[in-house]
């Protein structure tokens, strides 16, 4: 999210307000891939399949299942490095050292620190020069359809539904249900009356999503973390667990939400959702998963007809920043996440840059020979080599102009394709576009540039790294 004077204002305590009714837009998408399958509301019979990690603490989760409403007890290991990590990960170079301030930093040459004042001045100069205008949002822009969610935990494929901007709802064949970066407000702002306003409607109500086990939040910017949305999720799905970066758990506790786990880069938690017959919580255990242990596999037997659901959630690096006010820049950690359940894995990029591009003459290719020396963020190759491949990547493609201002924190589609390759995602969907005007590129430019970037890397324009309608589901 771009930093503007609006985001320099103190956070307000929103009360959850009634969400607007979604408007269904019937339209043929100009960018949908005929080779990618859109899922239907029908489901095939596949039992959830996983095993039990050593639990740290246990929660109660009420959700729909193949036998109707059922209690699931969620046990999670303490955050720890349970898989391969880079050699320098233990140095925690992204943590500011004593005397450097509070919070976190991007520890790579691919990052350029501008600061709030520097960004503000650069934006002012860009506006005076005509480089920072307001794009046309006159319809039609991105088609919006009413999403269809599976009524039970049964599905044979990994199913991902785009709910606008960076929000995806992912239904795993194991039965796991994960919501990424939900913001269901008209504005991504601390205020309901000012700030970036949606030019595409909210596709559904949060209460229409039948099952939410985990809500993964990449960072604290207002287009990724919304107080009214979080409170509405807590109301509709009171046992959903929030997974966040270091330092952000305090914000959730101040909202009255205890179901929150914060993680550092390269930490993992193992999760088991076990069906239970009673309504009492399972007692807490102090055991934790062992270092470098593999994600849990299927149990040989189960005390019930429904198998436990297991997953590994991994907190991984991204190149970005964080802030809710003028006084907390970088105080909480920005992250990407991998969520693996049974045999299916998703890498969620959240919001990230790839390299810092200097100001170049208009029309200049910043991937041209004279800019080949620019360093790229090494974290994505580390993610791909140590944690990949992934069945699906959710990768940001928008909010990137002007490049000399936003490239350190926001990937453009050419960066996005490189991130896709670095992280070893088998397929990908573009996120972080099509919802709010954050930067001045044309609102339909990101998917157009994405096709050019794919061609540049000799990747088919459709069927590998795609975009879709808001509300549309794809199966993988």
Foldseek 3Di string as FASTA:
>chain_A
DDFDVQLQAFFDQDAADDFDAADAFDDDFPFADPVFDFDDQDADADFQFFDDFFFQFWFWFWFQAPVGTFIWIKGKFAWDQAFDDDPCVVVQQQADDPPRDAFGAQNDLQFDDQASVSLHVVVVVCVVVVNFDAFDLPDDDFHAHAFHEHRHLAHDFWKWAFQAFQWIWIRHNSSAIEIEQDDRAQALGSDNPDHWGWSHHGRHDPLPHRDHAEYEFQAARSSRDDNNVVVVCCVSTVRHAYEEAPPCVVVVVVSVRPRYHHHYASIKMKMKIHTDDDDDIDGGDRDHGDHNDDHTGGDPDDPDPHGIWMKMKHWHAAQAWHGNHSPCINNTHGTWMWIDTHHAIETERNWHAWGAFADDPPPDDCCDPVNVPTDTRLRLLSQQVTPDDHQEYAFEADDCPPPNSRRRTHYHLLSRVVSCVSNNHQAYEYRRANTTPNTHDHRNVRLVVNLVSCVVVVHHSDDGYGYHHNSIMTTD
